[in-house]
Amino acid sequence: MNETVNNPKPWWQSKTVLGVIVMAASGVASQTGLAELTAADQAAIVDWLLSAVGIGAAGFAIWGRVIANQRIG
């Protein structure tokens, strides 16, 4: 842990900083009318996100089993 503290990464490599930038940009876009979505667009986005999360979860489970050190059971 001390090595991480002594050798910090650049700010643009921080997932937290990038997440905050995306969040702020989406808030600005929403408030300025740049991101006005119809109900159909919102439903399509939600469907896509739910599918992506399901696929990601399956991939994560498979990856976890592949790198596991012990057998199940």
N, C-alpha and C. Protein backbone atom coordinates (compact mmCIF):
# COMPACT_ATOMS: atom_id res chain seq x y z
N MET A 1 0.82 -1.18 0.00
CA MET A 1 0.00 0.00 0.00
C MET A 1 0.87 1.25 0.00
N ASN A 2 1.98 1.23 0.68
CA ASN A 2 2.84 2.40 0.72
C ASN A 2 3.36 2.77 -0.66
N GLU A 3 3.60 1.76 -1.51
CA GLU A 3 4.08 2.03 -2.86
C GLU A 3 3.03 2.83 -3.64
N THR A 4 1.75 2.52 -3.45
CA THR A 4 0.68 3.24 -4.13
C THR A 4 0.61 4.68 -3.66
N VAL A 5 0.80 4.91 -2.39
CA VAL A 5 0.75 6.26 -1.84
C VAL A 5 1.95 7.07 -2.31
N ASN A 6 3.11 6.45 -2.38
CA ASN A 6 4.32 7.16 -2.78
C ASN A 6 4.40 7.40 -4.28
N ASN A 7 3.70 6.61 -5.07
CA ASN A 7 3.71 6.75 -6.52
C ASN A 7 2.29 6.95 -7.03
N PRO A 8 1.71 8.12 -6.81
CA PRO A 8 0.31 8.31 -7.24
C PRO A 8 0.19 8.32 -8.76
N LYS A 9 -0.98 7.88 -9.24
CA LYS A 9 -1.21 7.88 -10.68
C LYS A 9 -1.72 9.25 -11.10
N PRO A 10 -1.61 9.57 -12.39
CA PRO A 10 -2.11 10.85 -12.88
C PRO A 10 -3.64 10.93 -12.70
N TRP A 11 -4.16 12.14 -12.56
CA TRP A 11 -5.59 12.31 -12.28
C TRP A 11 -6.46 11.73 -13.39
N TRP A 12 -6.00 11.77 -14.66
CA TRP A 12 -6.83 11.30 -15.76
C TRP A 12 -6.92 9.77 -15.80
N GLN A 13 -6.16 9.08 -14.98
CA GLN A 13 -6.26 7.63 -14.91
C GLN A 13 -7.14 7.17 -13.75
N SER A 14 -7.70 8.13 -13.02
CA SER A 14 -8.56 7.80 -11.88
C SER A 14 -9.98 7.53 -12.36
N LYS A 15 -10.51 6.35 -12.04
CA LYS A 15 -11.88 6.03 -12.39
C LYS A 15 -12.85 6.95 -11.68
N THR A 16 -12.53 7.36 -10.47
CA THR A 16 -13.39 8.26 -9.72
C THR A 16 -13.47 9.62 -10.40
N VAL A 17 -12.34 10.17 -10.79
CA VAL A 17 -12.33 11.47 -11.45
C VAL A 17 -13.08 11.40 -12.77
N LEU A 18 -12.83 10.36 -13.56
CA LEU A 18 -13.53 10.22 -14.84
C LEU A 18 -15.03 10.05 -14.64
N GLY A 19 -15.43 9.31 -13.62
CA GLY A 19 -16.86 9.15 -13.31
C GLY A 19 -17.51 10.47 -12.94
N VAL A 20 -16.82 11.28 -12.15
CA VAL A 20 -17.35 12.59 -11.77
C VAL A 20 -17.47 13.51 -12.99
N ILE A 21 -16.49 13.45 -13.89
CA ILE A 21 -16.54 14.27 -15.10
C ILE A 21 -17.74 13.86 -15.96
N VAL A 22 -17.96 12.56 -16.15
CA VAL A 22 -19.10 12.09 -16.93
C VAL A 22 -20.40 12.50 -16.26
N MET A 23 -20.48 12.36 -14.94
CA MET A 23 -21.68 12.73 -14.20
C MET A 23 -21.97 14.22 -14.35
N ALA A 24 -20.94 15.05 -14.23
CA ALA A 24 -21.11 16.49 -14.37
C ALA A 24 -21.53 16.85 -15.80
N ALA A 25 -20.93 16.22 -16.79
CA ALA A 25 -21.28 16.49 -18.18
C ALA A 25 -22.73 16.10 -18.47
N SER A 26 -23.17 14.97 -17.92
CA SER A 26 -24.56 14.57 -18.15
C SER A 26 -25.52 15.53 -17.46
N GLY A 27 -25.16 16.04 -16.30
CA GLY A 27 -26.00 17.03 -15.62
C GLY A 27 -26.10 18.32 -16.41
N VAL A 28 -24.96 18.77 -16.94
CA VAL A 28 -24.95 19.99 -17.76
C VAL A 28 -25.78 19.77 -19.03
N ALA A 29 -25.61 18.64 -19.69
CA ALA A 29 -26.36 18.34 -20.91
C ALA A 29 -27.86 18.30 -20.63
N SER A 30 -28.23 17.73 -19.50
CA SER A 30 -29.64 17.64 -19.14
C SER A 30 -30.22 19.03 -18.86
N GLN A 31 -29.50 19.85 -18.13
CA GLN A 31 -29.99 21.18 -17.76
C GLN A 31 -30.04 22.15 -18.92
N THR A 32 -29.17 21.97 -19.90
CA THR A 32 -29.13 22.88 -21.03
C THR A 32 -29.99 22.41 -22.20
N GLY A 33 -30.64 21.27 -22.06
CA GLY A 33 -31.51 20.76 -23.11
C GLY A 33 -30.79 19.98 -24.19
N LEU A 34 -29.52 19.71 -24.02
CA LEU A 34 -28.77 18.95 -25.01
C LEU A 34 -29.11 17.47 -24.99
N ALA A 35 -29.65 17.01 -23.89
CA ALA A 35 -29.91 15.58 -23.72
C ALA A 35 -31.39 15.29 -23.51
N GLU A 36 -32.25 15.96 -24.26
CA GLU A 36 -33.68 15.69 -24.13
C GLU A 36 -34.01 14.38 -24.83
N LEU A 37 -34.59 13.46 -24.10
CA LEU A 37 -34.90 12.14 -24.62
C LEU A 37 -36.40 11.90 -24.58
N THR A 38 -36.90 11.23 -25.57
CA THR A 38 -38.31 10.84 -25.56
C THR A 38 -38.47 9.63 -24.65
N ALA A 39 -39.72 9.31 -24.34
CA ALA A 39 -39.98 8.14 -23.50
C ALA A 39 -39.48 6.87 -24.18
N ALA A 40 -39.60 6.80 -25.50
CA ALA A 40 -39.12 5.62 -26.23
C ALA A 40 -37.59 5.51 -26.15
N ASP A 41 -36.91 6.65 -26.25
CA ASP A 41 -35.45 6.66 -26.13
C ASP A 41 -35.02 6.20 -24.74
N GLN A 42 -35.70 6.71 -23.71
CA GLN A 42 -35.37 6.33 -22.34
C GLN A 42 -35.59 4.83 -22.13
N ALA A 43 -36.69 4.29 -22.67
CA ALA A 43 -36.97 2.86 -22.53
C ALA A 43 -35.91 2.03 -23.24
N ALA A 44 -35.48 2.48 -24.42
CA ALA A 44 -34.44 1.75 -25.15
C ALA A 44 -33.12 1.76 -24.39
N ILE A 45 -32.79 2.89 -23.79
CA ILE A 45 -31.55 2.99 -23.01
C ILE A 45 -31.60 2.06 -21.80
N VAL A 46 -32.73 2.06 -21.10
CA VAL A 46 -32.87 1.19 -19.93
C VAL A 46 -32.76 -0.28 -20.34
N ASP A 47 -33.41 -0.65 -21.43
CA ASP A 47 -33.32 -2.04 -21.92
C ASP A 47 -31.88 -2.40 -22.25
N TRP A 48 -31.17 -1.50 -22.92
CA TRP A 48 -29.78 -1.75 -23.29
C TRP A 48 -28.91 -1.91 -22.04
N LEU A 49 -29.11 -1.01 -21.07
CA LEU A 49 -28.31 -1.07 -19.84
C LEU A 49 -28.57 -2.36 -19.08
N LEU A 50 -29.83 -2.78 -18.99
CA LEU A 50 -30.14 -4.02 -18.29
C LEU A 50 -29.50 -5.22 -18.98
N SER A 51 -29.52 -5.23 -20.30
CA SER A 51 -28.86 -6.31 -21.04
C SER A 51 -27.36 -6.28 -20.82
N ALA A 52 -26.77 -5.10 -20.85
CA ALA A 52 -25.32 -4.97 -20.65
C ALA A 52 -24.92 -5.43 -19.25
N VAL A 53 -25.71 -5.08 -18.25
CA VAL A 53 -25.40 -5.50 -16.88
C VAL A 53 -25.48 -7.02 -16.76
N GLY A 54 -26.49 -7.63 -17.38
CA GLY A 54 -26.62 -9.08 -17.34
C GLY A 54 -25.45 -9.78 -18.01
N ILE A 55 -25.05 -9.29 -19.16
CA ILE A 55 -23.90 -9.86 -19.87
C ILE A 55 -22.62 -9.66 -19.06
N GLY A 56 -22.47 -8.47 -18.49
CA GLY A 56 -21.29 -8.19 -17.66
C GLY A 56 -21.22 -9.09 -16.44
N ALA A 57 -22.37 -9.31 -15.80
CA ALA A 57 -22.40 -10.18 -14.62
C ALA A 57 -22.03 -11.61 -14.99
N ALA A 58 -22.53 -12.09 -16.11
CA ALA A 58 -22.19 -13.45 -16.54
C ALA A 58 -20.69 -13.55 -16.84
N GLY A 59 -20.15 -12.55 -17.51
CA GLY A 59 -18.72 -12.54 -17.80
C GLY A 59 -17.89 -12.51 -16.52
N PHE A 60 -18.33 -11.70 -15.56
CA PHE A 60 -17.62 -11.60 -14.28
C PHE A 60 -17.64 -12.94 -13.55
N ALA A 61 -18.77 -13.63 -13.58
CA ALA A 61 -18.87 -14.93 -12.92
C ALA A 61 -17.95 -15.96 -13.59
N ILE A 62 -17.94 -15.96 -14.91
CA ILE A 62 -17.06 -16.90 -15.63
C ILE A 62 -15.60 -16.57 -15.35
N TRP A 63 -15.25 -15.31 -15.41
CA TRP A 63 -13.87 -14.89 -15.13
C TRP A 63 -13.46 -15.31 -13.72
N GLY A 64 -14.35 -15.11 -12.74
CA GLY A 64 -14.05 -15.51 -11.37
C GLY A 64 -13.79 -16.99 -11.23
N ARG A 65 -14.56 -17.79 -11.98
CA ARG A 65 -14.37 -19.25 -11.92
C ARG A 65 -13.06 -19.65 -12.59
N VAL A 66 -12.71 -18.96 -13.66
CA VAL A 66 -11.48 -19.30 -14.39
C VAL A 66 -10.25 -19.02 -13.53
N ILE A 67 -10.24 -17.92 -12.80
CA ILE A 67 -9.05 -17.57 -12.02
C ILE A 67 -9.08 -18.13 -10.60
N ALA A 68 -10.12 -18.87 -10.25
CA ALA A 68 -10.23 -19.42 -8.90
C ALA A 68 -9.12 -20.40 -8.62
N ASN A 69 -8.73 -20.45 -7.36
CA ASN A 69 -7.67 -21.37 -6.92
C ASN A 69 -8.19 -22.65 -6.33
N GLN A 70 -9.47 -22.69 -5.97
CA GLN A 70 -10.03 -23.88 -5.36
C GLN A 70 -11.25 -24.36 -6.14
N ARG A 71 -11.50 -25.65 -6.07
CA ARG A 71 -12.69 -26.22 -6.70
C ARG A 71 -13.92 -25.90 -5.89
N ILE A 72 -15.06 -25.93 -6.52
CA ILE A 72 -16.34 -25.74 -5.85
C ILE A 72 -16.80 -27.09 -5.32
N GLY A 73 -17.32 -27.10 -4.09
CA GLY A 73 -17.91 -28.30 -3.55
C GLY A 73 -16.97 -29.05 -2.74
